[in-house]
Amino acid sequence: ELAEKKENRQFKYIYDYAKAHGLVPVRIARRGCMSQNVCNQMFERCLSLMYKGKARAVVVANMASISSSMCDAYKKIGLINENGFKIFSVDEGELKLNLIGFKEEQNIEEKR
């Protein structure tokens, strides 16, 4: 019961953020008491929706809610950014890695 109340508050928190920033929810996933493995599978399904053109961004309460470690958070942000999508955290705002060296390498390869 307590977990459901927390999830409801978190849902409202995310929904209000999305509404305030002009984002339209396509699908809502509630993490609840899922294991990290199930959470990772859910993240993969979100990426799949984005690859299919059904979504362009992910909104989370915070990265700690979907990541097992800082390394895992950076990997997830990188996967989203690398494919031209966006990820927003209500607590942290839009998440970007801003690693310009990789873009420069891609541009050099494209010119060859």
PDB file of N, CA and C in Angstrom:
ATOM      1  N   GLU A   1       0.822  -1.195   0.000  1.00  0.00           N
ATOM      2  CA  GLU A   1       0.000   0.000   0.000  1.00  0.00           C
ATOM      3  C   GLU A   1       0.865   1.258   0.000  1.00  0.00           C
ATOM      4  N   LEU A   2       1.938   1.255   0.804  1.00  0.00           N
ATOM      5  CA  LEU A   2       2.837   2.409   0.836  1.00  0.00           C
ATOM      6  C   LEU A   2       3.551   2.588  -0.499  1.00  0.00           C
ATOM      7  N   ALA A   3       3.947   1.477  -1.108  1.00  0.00           N
ATOM      8  CA  ALA A   3       4.625   1.548  -2.410  1.00  0.00           C
ATOM      9  C   ALA A   3       3.694   2.148  -3.461  1.00  0.00           C
ATOM     10  N   GLU A   4       2.420   1.781  -3.426  1.00  0.00           N
ATOM     11  CA  GLU A   4       1.458   2.314  -4.393  1.00  0.00           C
ATOM     12  C   GLU A   4       1.243   3.816  -4.191  1.00  0.00           C
ATOM     13  N   LYS A   5       1.187   4.252  -2.939  1.00  0.00           N
ATOM     14  CA  LYS A   5       1.045   5.692  -2.663  1.00  0.00           C
ATOM     15  C   LYS A   5       2.258   6.459  -3.191  1.00  0.00           C
ATOM     16  N   LYS A   6       3.456   5.898  -2.968  1.00  0.00           N
ATOM     17  CA  LYS A   6       4.674   6.531  -3.459  1.00  0.00           C
ATOM     18  C   LYS A   6       4.654   6.596  -4.982  1.00  0.00           C
ATOM     19  N   GLU A   7       4.248   5.506  -5.622  1.00  0.00           N
ATOM     20  CA  GLU A   7       4.165   5.460  -7.085  1.00  0.00           C
ATOM     21  C   GLU A   7       3.170   6.506  -7.597  1.00  0.00           C
ATOM     22  N   ASN A   8       2.042   6.673  -6.928  1.00  0.00           N
ATOM     23  CA  ASN A   8       1.044   7.657  -7.351  1.00  0.00           C
ATOM     24  C   ASN A   8       1.594   9.080  -7.262  1.00  0.00           C
ATOM     25  N   ARG A   9       2.329   9.369  -6.182  1.00  0.00           N
ATOM     26  CA  ARG A   9       2.947  10.692  -6.030  1.00  0.00           C
ATOM     27  C   ARG A   9       3.997  10.907  -7.122  1.00  0.00           C
ATOM     28  N   GLN A  10       4.785   9.874  -7.380  1.00  0.00           N
ATOM     29  CA  GLN A  10       5.828   9.965  -8.396  1.00  0.00           C
ATOM     30  C   GLN A  10       5.208  10.149  -9.787  1.00  0.00           C
ATOM     31  N   PHE A  11       4.107   9.449 -10.061  1.00  0.00           N
ATOM     32  CA  PHE A  11       3.415   9.591 -11.336  1.00  0.00           C
ATOM     33  C   PHE A  11       2.947  11.029 -11.521  1.00  0.00           C
ATOM     34  N   LYS A  12       2.334  11.617 -10.493  1.00  0.00           N
ATOM     35  CA  LYS A  12       1.854  12.998 -10.571  1.00  0.00           C
ATOM     36  C   LYS A  12       3.023  13.947 -10.782  1.00  0.00           C
ATOM     37  N   TYR A  13       4.112  13.700 -10.118  1.00  0.00           N
ATOM     38  CA  TYR A  13       5.337  14.499 -10.223  1.00  0.00           C
ATOM     39  C   TYR A  13       5.835  14.504 -11.674  1.00  0.00           C
ATOM     40  N   ILE A  14       5.911  13.327 -12.281  1.00  0.00           N
ATOM     41  CA  ILE A  14       6.374  13.196 -13.665  1.00  0.00           C
ATOM     42  C   ILE A  14       5.348  13.792 -14.627  1.00  0.00           C
ATOM     43  N   TYR A  15       4.079  13.495 -14.412  1.00  0.00           N
ATOM     44  CA  TYR A  15       3.023  13.992 -15.296  1.00  0.00           C
ATOM     45  C   TYR A  15       2.982  15.516 -15.308  1.00  0.00           C
ATOM     46  N   ASP A  16       3.101  16.143 -14.137  1.00  0.00           N
ATOM     47  CA  ASP A  16       3.105  17.603 -14.056  1.00  0.00           C
ATOM     48  C   ASP A  16       4.307  18.189 -14.796  1.00  0.00           C
ATOM     49  N   TYR A  17       5.466  17.546 -14.674  1.00  0.00           N
ATOM     50  CA  TYR A  17       6.666  17.999 -15.385  1.00  0.00           C
ATOM     51  C   TYR A  17       6.447  17.919 -16.894  1.00  0.00           C
ATOM     52  N   ALA A  18       5.927  16.788 -17.351  1.00  0.00           N
ATOM     53  CA  ALA A  18       5.690  16.593 -18.787  1.00  0.00           C
ATOM     54  C   ALA A  18       4.719  17.654 -19.316  1.00  0.00           C
ATOM     55  N   LYS A  19       3.647  17.883 -18.597  1.00  0.00           N
ATOM     56  CA  LYS A  19       2.640  18.863 -19.011  1.00  0.00           C
ATOM     57  C   LYS A  19       3.239  20.270 -19.075  1.00  0.00           C
ATOM     58  N   ALA A  20       4.032  20.628 -18.079  1.00  0.00           N
ATOM     59  CA  ALA A  20       4.641  21.957 -18.023  1.00  0.00           C
ATOM     60  C   ALA A  20       5.654  22.183 -19.144  1.00  0.00           C
ATOM     61  N   HIS A  21       6.240  21.102 -19.668  1.00  0.00           N
ATOM     62  CA  HIS A  21       7.265  21.220 -20.706  1.00  0.00           C
ATOM     63  C   HIS A  21       6.761  20.808 -22.092  1.00  0.00           C
ATOM     64  N   GLY A  22       5.456  20.682 -22.239  1.00  0.00           N
ATOM     65  CA  GLY A  22       4.876  20.377 -23.539  1.00  0.00           C
ATOM     66  C   GLY A  22       5.148  18.967 -24.033  1.00  0.00           C
ATOM     67  N   LEU A  23       5.388  18.045 -23.129  1.00  0.00           N
ATOM     68  CA  LEU A  23       5.632  16.644 -23.489  1.00  0.00           C
ATOM     69  C   LEU A  23       4.328  15.865 -23.341  1.00  0.00           C
ATOM     70  N   VAL A  24       4.052  15.008 -24.308  1.00  0.00           N
ATOM     71  CA  VAL A  24       2.823  14.227 -24.292  1.00  0.00           C
ATOM     72  C   VAL A  24       3.184  12.775 -23.989  1.00  0.00           C
ATOM     73  N   PRO A  25       2.734  12.240 -22.863  1.00  0.00           N
ATOM     74  CA  PRO A  25       3.047  10.846 -22.536  1.00  0.00           C
ATOM     75  C   PRO A  25       2.445   9.876 -23.555  1.00  0.00           C
ATOM     76  N   VAL A  26       3.270   8.941 -24.011  1.00  0.00           N
ATOM     77  CA  VAL A  26       2.826   7.903 -24.941  1.00  0.00           C
ATOM     78  C   VAL A  26       2.520   6.637 -24.154  1.00  0.00           C
ATOM     79  N   ARG A  27       3.396   6.311 -23.256  1.00  0.00           N
ATOM     80  CA  ARG A  27       3.232   5.131 -22.426  1.00  0.00           C
ATOM     81  C   ARG A  27       3.808   5.435 -21.054  1.00  0.00           C
ATOM     82  N   ILE A  28       3.169   4.931 -20.042  1.00  0.00           N
ATOM     83  CA  ILE A  28       3.618   5.157 -18.671  1.00  0.00           C
ATOM     84  C   ILE A  28       3.961   3.808 -18.059  1.00  0.00           C
ATOM     85  N   ALA A  29       5.163   3.719 -17.524  1.00  0.00           N
ATOM     86  CA  ALA A  29       5.600   2.487 -16.872  1.00  0.00           C
ATOM     87  C   ALA A  29       5.886   2.802 -15.414  1.00  0.00           C
ATOM     88  N   ARG A  30       5.344   1.993 -14.558  1.00  0.00           N
ATOM     89  CA  ARG A  30       5.548   2.186 -13.125  1.00  0.00           C
ATOM     90  C   ARG A  30       6.512   1.130 -12.648  1.00  0.00           C
ATOM     91  N   ARG A  31       7.587   1.572 -12.048  1.00  0.00           N
ATOM     92  CA  ARG A  31       8.642   0.643 -11.647  1.00  0.00           C
ATOM     93  C   ARG A  31       8.223  -0.192 -10.445  1.00  0.00           C
ATOM     94  N   GLY A  32       7.571   0.417  -9.492  1.00  0.00           N
ATOM     95  CA  GLY A  32       7.104  -0.308  -8.322  1.00  0.00           C
ATOM     96  C   GLY A  32       8.206  -1.072  -7.625  1.00  0.00           C
ATOM     97  N   CYS A  33       7.958  -2.316  -7.375  1.00  0.00           N
ATOM     98  CA  CYS A  33       8.918  -3.165  -6.670  1.00  0.00           C
ATOM     99  C   CYS A  33       9.642  -4.107  -7.633  1.00  0.00           C
ATOM    100  N   MET A  34       9.870  -3.647  -8.859  1.00  0.00           N
ATOM    101  CA  MET A  34      10.543  -4.478  -9.851  1.00  0.00           C
ATOM    102  C   MET A  34      12.022  -4.626  -9.531  1.00  0.00           C
ATOM    103  N   SER A  35      12.582  -5.720 -10.004  1.00  0.00           N
ATOM    104  CA  SER A  35      14.021  -5.904  -9.874  1.00  0.00           C
ATOM    105  C   SER A  35      14.724  -5.028 -10.902  1.00  0.00           C
ATOM    106  N   GLN A  36      16.026  -4.862 -10.763  1.00  0.00           N
ATOM    107  CA  GLN A  36      16.782  -4.046 -11.710  1.00  0.00           C
ATOM    108  C   GLN A  36      16.735  -4.668 -13.106  1.00  0.00           C
ATOM    109  N   ASN A  37      16.723  -5.992 -13.185  1.00  0.00           N
ATOM    110  CA  ASN A  37      16.655  -6.675 -14.480  1.00  0.00           C
ATOM    111  C   ASN A  37      15.364  -6.322 -15.214  1.00  0.00           C
ATOM    112  N   VAL A  38      14.241  -6.328 -14.509  1.00  0.00           N
ATOM    113  CA  VAL A  38      12.957  -5.978 -15.113  1.00  0.00           C
ATOM    114  C   VAL A  38      12.969  -4.506 -15.538  1.00  0.00           C
ATOM    115  N   CYS A  39      13.561  -3.653 -14.725  1.00  0.00           N
ATOM    116  CA  CYS A  39      13.669  -2.235 -15.049  1.00  0.00           C
ATOM    117  C   CYS A  39      14.500  -2.044 -16.323  1.00  0.00           C
ATOM    118  N   ASN A  40      15.589  -2.796 -16.463  1.00  0.00           N
ATOM    119  CA  ASN A  40      16.420  -2.711 -17.665  1.00  0.00           C
ATOM    120  C   ASN A  40      15.652  -3.171 -18.902  1.00  0.00           C
ATOM    121  N   GLN A  41      14.849  -4.214 -18.759  1.00  0.00           N
ATOM    122  CA  GLN A  41      14.028  -4.684 -19.875  1.00  0.00           C
ATOM    123  C   GLN A  41      13.006  -3.617 -20.273  1.00  0.00           C
ATOM    124  N   MET A  42      12.443  -2.944 -19.292  1.00  0.00           N
ATOM    125  CA  MET A  42      11.485  -1.868 -19.554  1.00  0.00           C
ATOM    126  C   MET A  42      12.190  -0.730 -20.307  1.00  0.00           C
ATOM    127  N   PHE A  43      13.408  -0.407 -19.915  1.00  0.00           N
ATOM    128  CA  PHE A  43      14.174   0.631 -20.594  1.00  0.00           C
ATOM    129  C   PHE A  43      14.427   0.236 -22.050  1.00  0.00           C
ATOM    130  N   GLU A  44      14.759  -1.026 -22.280  1.00  0.00           N
ATOM    131  CA  GLU A  44      14.971  -1.525 -23.645  1.00  0.00           C
ATOM    132  C   GLU A  44      13.689  -1.408 -24.470  1.00  0.00           C
ATOM    133  N   ARG A  45      12.541  -1.676 -23.863  1.00  0.00           N
ATOM    134  CA  ARG A  45      11.266  -1.521 -24.574  1.00  0.00           C
ATOM    135  C   ARG A  45      11.016  -0.052 -24.932  1.00  0.00           C
ATOM    136  N   CYS A  46      11.404   0.858 -24.042  1.00  0.00           N
ATOM    137  CA  CYS A  46      11.276   2.294 -24.339  1.00  0.00           C
ATOM    138  C   CYS A  46      12.148   2.659 -25.533  1.00  0.00           C
ATOM    139  N   LEU A  47      13.382   2.158 -25.565  1.00  0.00           N
ATOM    140  CA  LEU A  47      14.256   2.409 -26.714  1.00  0.00           C
ATOM    141  C   LEU A  47      13.639   1.859 -27.990  1.00  0.00           C
ATOM    142  N   SER A  48      13.052   0.689 -27.899  1.00  0.00           N
ATOM    143  CA  SER A  48      12.412   0.070 -29.058  1.00  0.00           C
ATOM    144  C   SER A  48      11.286   0.952 -29.590  1.00  0.00           C
ATOM    145  N   LEU A  49      10.478   1.506 -28.701  1.00  0.00           N
ATOM    146  CA  LEU A  49       9.407   2.422 -29.114  1.00  0.00           C
ATOM    147  C   LEU A  49       9.977   3.647 -29.826  1.00  0.00           C
ATOM    148  N   MET A  50      11.101   4.137 -29.336  1.00  0.00           N
ATOM    149  CA  MET A  50      11.715   5.303 -29.959  1.00  0.00           C
ATOM    150  C   MET A  50      12.270   4.942 -31.335  1.00  0.00           C
ATOM    151  N   TYR A  51      12.894   3.780 -31.469  1.00  0.00           N
ATOM    152  CA  TYR A  51      13.407   3.340 -32.777  1.00  0.00           C
ATOM    153  C   TYR A  51      12.271   3.217 -33.793  1.00  0.00           C
ATOM    154  N   LYS A  52      11.095   2.818 -33.329  1.00  0.00           N
ATOM    155  CA  LYS A  52       9.934   2.652 -34.211  1.00  0.00           C
ATOM    156  C   LYS A  52       9.241   3.980 -34.504  1.00  0.00           C
ATOM    157  N   GLY A  53       9.692   5.057 -33.881  1.00  0.00           N
ATOM    158  CA  GLY A  53       9.103   6.370 -34.129  1.00  0.00           C
ATOM    159  C   GLY A  53       7.864   6.666 -33.311  1.00  0.00           C
ATOM    160  N   LYS A  54       7.589   5.863 -32.305  1.00  0.00           N
ATOM    161  CA  LYS A  54       6.387   6.060 -31.494  1.00  0.00           C
ATOM    162  C   LYS A  54       6.628   6.993 -30.312  1.00  0.00           C
ATOM    163  N   ALA A  55       7.887   7.289 -30.028  1.00  0.00           N
ATOM    164  CA  ALA A  55       8.236   8.201 -28.932  1.00  0.00           C
ATOM    165  C   ALA A  55       9.560   8.861 -29.279  1.00  0.00           C
ATOM    166  N   ARG A  56       9.821  10.016 -28.658  1.00  0.00           N
ATOM    167  CA  ARG A  56      11.078  10.721 -28.917  1.00  0.00           C
ATOM    168  C   ARG A  56      11.857  11.029 -27.652  1.00  0.00           C
ATOM    169  N   ALA A  57      11.269  10.707 -26.498  1.00  0.00           N
ATOM    170  CA  ALA A  57      11.946  11.038 -25.245  1.00  0.00           C
ATOM    171  C   ALA A  57      11.475  10.110 -24.130  1.00  0.00           C
ATOM    172  N   VAL A  58      12.287  10.074 -23.086  1.00  0.00           N
ATOM    173  CA  VAL A  58      11.957   9.345 -21.863  1.00  0.00           C
ATOM    174  C   VAL A  58      11.940  10.371 -20.746  1.00  0.00           C
ATOM    175  N   VAL A  59      10.950  10.287 -19.871  1.00  0.00           N
ATOM    176  CA  VAL A  59      10.880  11.168 -18.702  1.00  0.00           C
ATOM    177  C   VAL A  59      10.873  10.274 -17.466  1.00  0.00           C
ATOM    178  N   VAL A  60      11.788  10.554 -16.541  1.00  0.00           N
ATOM    179  CA  VAL A  60      11.880   9.795 -15.289  1.00  0.00           C
ATOM    180  C   VAL A  60      11.886  10.778 -14.126  1.00  0.00           C
ATOM    181  N   ALA A  61      11.574  10.280 -12.949  1.00  0.00           N
ATOM    182  CA  ALA A  61      11.628  11.147 -11.764  1.00  0.00           C
ATOM    183  C   ALA A  61      13.078  11.544 -11.508  1.00  0.00           C
ATOM    184  N   ASN A  62      13.973  10.574 -11.552  1.00  0.00           N
ATOM    185  CA  ASN A  62      15.413  10.808 -11.433  1.00  0.00           C
ATOM    186  C   ASN A  62      16.137   9.571 -11.955  1.00  0.00           C
ATOM    187  N   MET A  63      17.382   9.724 -12.324  1.00  0.00           N
ATOM    188  CA  MET A  63      18.115   8.595 -12.912  1.00  0.00           C
ATOM    189  C   MET A  63      18.328   7.463 -11.913  1.00  0.00           C
ATOM    190  N   ALA A  64      18.400   7.786 -10.656  1.00  0.00           N
ATOM    191  CA  ALA A  64      18.594   6.742  -9.650  1.00  0.00           C
ATOM    192  C   ALA A  64      17.416   5.770  -9.618  1.00  0.00           C
ATOM    193  N   SER A  65      16.248   6.218 -10.071  1.00  0.00           N
ATOM    194  CA  SER A  65      15.071   5.345 -10.041  1.00  0.00           C
ATOM    195  C   SER A  65      15.116   4.273 -11.122  1.00  0.00           C
ATOM    196  N   ILE A  66      15.926   4.464 -12.172  1.00  0.00           N
ATOM    197  CA  ILE A  66      15.998   3.451 -13.236  1.00  0.00           C
ATOM    198  C   ILE A  66      17.397   2.877 -13.425  1.00  0.00           C
ATOM    199  N   SER A  67      18.366   3.345 -12.640  1.00  0.00           N
ATOM    200  CA  SER A  67      19.752   2.902 -12.802  1.00  0.00           C
ATOM    201  C   SER A  67      20.266   2.234 -11.546  1.00  0.00           C
ATOM    202  N   SER A  68      21.138   1.261 -11.755  1.00  0.00           N
ATOM    203  CA  SER A  68      21.712   0.545 -10.615  1.00  0.00           C
ATOM    204  C   SER A  68      22.989   1.205 -10.105  1.00  0.00           C
ATOM    205  N   SER A  69      23.613   2.051 -10.937  1.00  0.00           N
ATOM    206  CA  SER A  69      24.862   2.709 -10.559  1.00  0.00           C
ATOM    207  C   SER A  69      25.059   3.928 -11.455  1.00  0.00           C
ATOM    208  N   MET A  70      26.084   4.710 -11.171  1.00  0.00           N
ATOM    209  CA  MET A  70      26.373   5.866 -12.000  1.00  0.00           C
ATOM    210  C   MET A  70      26.773   5.412 -13.409  1.00  0.00           C
ATOM    211  N   CYS A  71      27.534   4.344 -13.490  1.00  0.00           N
ATOM    212  CA  CYS A  71      27.946   3.811 -14.789  1.00  0.00           C
ATOM    213  C   CYS A  71      26.723   3.402 -15.616  1.00  0.00           C
ATOM    214  N   ASP A  72      25.769   2.760 -14.989  1.00  0.00           N
ATOM    215  CA  ASP A  72      24.538   2.342 -15.660  1.00  0.00           C
ATOM    216  C   ASP A  72      23.745   3.568 -16.135  1.00  0.00           C
ATOM    217  N   ALA A  73      23.704   4.609 -15.320  1.00  0.00           N
ATOM    218  CA  ALA A  73      22.991   5.838 -15.694  1.00  0.00           C
ATOM    219  C   ALA A  73      23.637   6.468 -16.919  1.00  0.00           C
ATOM    220  N   TYR A  74      24.971   6.561 -16.930  1.00  0.00           N
ATOM    221  CA  TYR A  74      25.661   7.136 -18.078  1.00  0.00           C
ATOM    222  C   TYR A  74      25.442   6.299 -19.338  1.00  0.00           C
ATOM    223  N   LYS A  75      25.417   4.993 -19.188  1.00  0.00           N
ATOM    224  CA  LYS A  75      25.181   4.112 -20.342  1.00  0.00           C
ATOM    225  C   LYS A  75      23.792   4.378 -20.931  1.00  0.00           C
ATOM    226  N   LYS A  76      22.796   4.474 -20.075  1.00  0.00           N
ATOM    227  CA  LYS A  76      21.425   4.706 -20.539  1.00  0.00           C
ATOM    228  C   LYS A  76      21.283   6.075 -21.186  1.00  0.00           C
ATOM    229  N   ILE A  77      21.864   7.094 -20.581  1.00  0.00           N
ATOM    230  CA  ILE A  77      21.818   8.436 -21.163  1.00  0.00           C
ATOM    231  C   ILE A  77      22.527   8.420 -22.518  1.00  0.00           C
ATOM    232  N   GLY A  78      23.660   7.748 -22.588  1.00  0.00           N
ATOM    233  CA  GLY A  78      24.415   7.661 -23.830  1.00  0.00           C
ATOM    234  C   GLY A  78      23.641   6.962 -24.934  1.00  0.00           C
ATOM    235  N   LEU A  79      22.963   5.876 -24.608  1.00  0.00           N
ATOM    236  CA  LEU A  79      22.160   5.164 -25.610  1.00  0.00           C
ATOM    237  C   LEU A  79      21.073   6.060 -26.179  1.00  0.00           C
ATOM    238  N   ILE A  80      20.443   6.820 -25.318  1.00  0.00           N
ATOM    239  CA  ILE A  80      19.372   7.717 -25.757  1.00  0.00           C
ATOM    240  C   ILE A  80      19.955   8.842 -26.618  1.00  0.00           C
ATOM    241  N   ASN A  81      20.995   9.514 -26.113  1.00  0.00           N
ATOM    242  CA  ASN A  81      21.589  10.645 -26.833  1.00  0.00           C
ATOM    243  C   ASN A  81      22.201  10.222 -28.159  1.00  0.00           C
ATOM    244  N   GLU A  82      22.875   9.099 -28.179  1.00  0.00           N
ATOM    245  CA  GLU A  82      23.562   8.629 -29.383  1.00  0.00           C
ATOM    246  C   GLU A  82      22.599   8.409 -30.546  1.00  0.00           C
ATOM    247  N   ASN A  83      21.380   8.071 -30.233  1.00  0.00           N
ATOM    248  CA  ASN A  83      20.383   7.796 -31.268  1.00  0.00           C
ATOM    249  C   ASN A  83      19.491   8.997 -31.572  1.00  0.00           C
ATOM    250  N   GLY A  84      19.849  10.158 -31.030  1.00  0.00           N
ATOM    251  CA  GLY A  84      19.123  11.383 -31.354  1.00  0.00           C
ATOM    252  C   GLY A  84      17.858  11.608 -30.553  1.00  0.00           C
ATOM    253  N   PHE A  85      17.666  10.842 -29.494  1.00  0.00           N
ATOM    254  CA  PHE A  85      16.487  11.009 -28.652  1.00  0.00           C
ATOM    255  C   PHE A  85      16.857  11.833 -27.429  1.00  0.00           C
ATOM    256  N   LYS A  86      15.875  12.102 -26.577  1.00  0.00           N
ATOM    257  CA  LYS A  86      16.120  12.902 -25.381  1.00  0.00           C
ATOM    258  C   LYS A  86      15.668  12.138 -24.146  1.00  0.00           C
ATOM    259  N   ILE A  87      16.305  12.469 -23.040  1.00  0.00           N
ATOM    260  CA  ILE A  87      15.895  11.909 -21.748  1.00  0.00           C
ATOM    261  C   ILE A  87      15.824  13.064 -20.761  1.00  0.00           C
ATOM    262  N   PHE A  88      14.708  13.128 -20.055  1.00  0.00           N
ATOM    263  CA  PHE A  88      14.472  14.182 -19.078  1.00  0.00           C
ATOM    264  C   PHE A  88      14.292  13.562 -17.702  1.00  0.00           C
ATOM    265  N   SER A  89      14.853  14.218 -16.716  1.00  0.00           N
ATOM    266  CA  SER A  89      14.661  13.847 -15.323  1.00  0.00           C
ATOM    267  C   SER A  89      13.975  15.015 -14.644  1.00  0.00           C
ATOM    268  N   VAL A  90      12.913  14.750 -13.927  1.00  0.00           N
ATOM    269  CA  VAL A  90      12.205  15.828 -13.232  1.00  0.00           C
ATOM    270  C   VAL A  90      13.153  16.521 -12.261  1.00  0.00           C
ATOM    271  N   ASP A  91      14.000  15.740 -11.597  1.00  0.00           N
ATOM    272  CA  ASP A  91      14.926  16.321 -10.615  1.00  0.00           C
ATOM    273  C   ASP A  91      16.117  17.021 -11.253  1.00  0.00           C
ATOM    274  N   GLU A  92      16.618  16.485 -12.401  1.00  0.00           N
ATOM    275  CA  GLU A  92      17.863  16.988 -12.976  1.00  0.00           C
ATOM    276  C   GLU A  92      17.704  17.723 -14.310  1.00  0.00           C
ATOM    277  N   GLY A  93      16.512  17.753 -14.895  1.00  0.00           N
ATOM    278  CA  GLY A  93      16.306  18.406 -16.186  1.00  0.00           C
ATOM    279  C   GLY A  93      16.688  17.494 -17.342  1.00  0.00           C
ATOM    280  N   GLU A  94      16.977  18.077 -18.511  1.00  0.00           N
ATOM    281  CA  GLU A  94      17.372  17.261 -19.661  1.00  0.00           C
ATOM    282  C   GLU A  94      18.782  16.733 -19.425  1.00  0.00           C
ATOM    283  N   LEU A  95      18.953  15.449 -19.677  1.00  0.00           N
ATOM    284  CA  LEU A  95      20.239  14.813 -19.417  1.00  0.00           C
ATOM    285  C   LEU A  95      21.002  14.639 -20.725  1.00  0.00           C
ATOM    286  N   LYS A  96      22.208  15.189 -20.755  1.00  0.00           N
ATOM    287  CA  LYS A  96      23.080  15.103 -21.926  1.00  0.00           C
ATOM    288  C   LYS A  96      24.485  14.774 -21.448  1.00  0.00           C
ATOM    289  N   LEU A  97      25.257  14.154 -22.314  1.00  0.00           N
ATOM    290  CA  LEU A  97      26.646  13.864 -21.972  1.00  0.00           C
ATOM    291  C   LEU A  97      27.588  14.950 -22.495  1.00  0.00           C
ATOM    292  N   ASN A  98      27.201  15.621 -23.581  1.00  0.00           N
ATOM    293  CA  ASN A  98      27.997  16.714 -24.142  1.00  0.00           C
ATOM    294  C   ASN A  98      29.449  16.330 -24.409  1.00  0.00           C
ATOM    295  N   LEU A  99      29.656  15.168 -24.982  1.00  0.00           N
ATOM    296  CA  LEU A  99      31.000  14.720 -25.339  1.00  0.00           C
ATOM    297  C   LEU A  99      31.231  15.069 -26.802  1.00  0.00           C
ATOM    298  N   ILE A 100      31.836  16.215 -27.038  1.00  0.00           N
ATOM    299  CA  ILE A 100      31.950  16.728 -28.403  1.00  0.00           C
ATOM    300  C   ILE A 100      32.952  15.943 -29.247  1.00  0.00           C
ATOM    301  N   GLY A 101      33.909  15.314 -28.654  1.00  0.00           N
ATOM    302  CA  GLY A 101      34.926  14.578 -29.409  1.00  0.00           C
ATOM    303  C   GLY A 101      34.338  13.507 -30.297  1.00  0.00           C
ATOM    304  N   PHE A 102      33.274  12.865 -29.865  1.00  0.00           N
ATOM    305  CA  PHE A 102      32.669  11.807 -30.654  1.00  0.00           C
ATOM    306  C   PHE A 102      31.968  12.372 -31.882  1.00  0.00           C
ATOM    307  N   LYS A 103      31.345  13.506 -31.755  1.00  0.00           N
ATOM    308  CA  LYS A 103      30.702  14.138 -32.907  1.00  0.00           C
ATOM    309  C   LYS A 103      31.747  14.541 -33.933  1.00  0.00           C
ATOM    310  N   GLU A 104      32.877  15.088 -33.453  1.00  0.00           N
ATOM    311  CA  GLU A 104      33.940  15.496 -34.370  1.00  0.00           C
ATOM    312  C   GLU A 104      34.472  14.294 -35.137  1.00  0.00           C
ATOM    313  N   GLU A 105      34.659  13.166 -34.456  1.00  0.00           N
ATOM    314  CA  GLU A 105      35.136  11.952 -35.125  1.00  0.00           C
ATOM    315  C   GLU A 105      34.144  11.503 -36.186  1.00  0.00           C
ATOM    316  N   GLN A 106      32.856  11.563 -35.896  1.00  0.00           N
ATOM    317  CA  GLN A 106      31.846  11.178 -36.873  1.00  0.00           C
ATOM    318  C   GLN A 106      31.892  12.104 -38.082  1.00  0.00           C
ATOM    319  N   ASN A 107      32.042  13.401 -37.854  1.00  0.00           N
ATOM    320  CA  ASN A 107      32.102  14.350 -38.953  1.00  0.00           C
ATOM    321  C   ASN A 107      33.334  14.109 -39.823  1.00  0.00           C
ATOM    322  N   ILE A 108      34.463  13.778 -39.208  1.00  0.00           N
ATOM    323  CA  ILE A 108      35.678  13.484 -39.959  1.00  0.00           C
ATOM    324  C   ILE A 108      35.473  12.245 -40.818  1.00  0.00           C
ATOM    325  N   GLU A 109      34.856  11.198 -40.245  1.00  0.00           N
ATOM    326  CA  GLU A 109      34.603   9.963 -40.987  1.00  0.00           C
ATOM    327  C   GLU A 109      33.657  10.224 -42.153  1.00  0.00           C
ATOM    328  N   GLU A 110      32.650  11.083 -41.962  1.00  0.00           N
ATOM    329  CA  GLU A 110      31.687  11.381 -43.020  1.00  0.00           C
ATOM    330  C   GLU A 110      32.360  12.134 -44.171  1.00  0.00           C
ATOM    331  N   LYS A 111      33.363  12.965 -43.880  1.00  0.00           N
ATOM    332  CA  LYS A 111      34.048  13.737 -44.923  1.00  0.00           C
ATOM    333  C   LYS A 111      34.958  12.865 -45.765  1.00  0.00           C
ATOM    334  N   ARG A 112      35.440  11.724 -45.218  1.00  0.00           N
ATOM    335  CA  ARG A 112      36.369  10.848 -45.953  1.00  0.00           C
ATOM    336  C   ARG A 112      35.695  10.137 -47.042  1.00  0.00           C
TER     337      ARG A 112
END
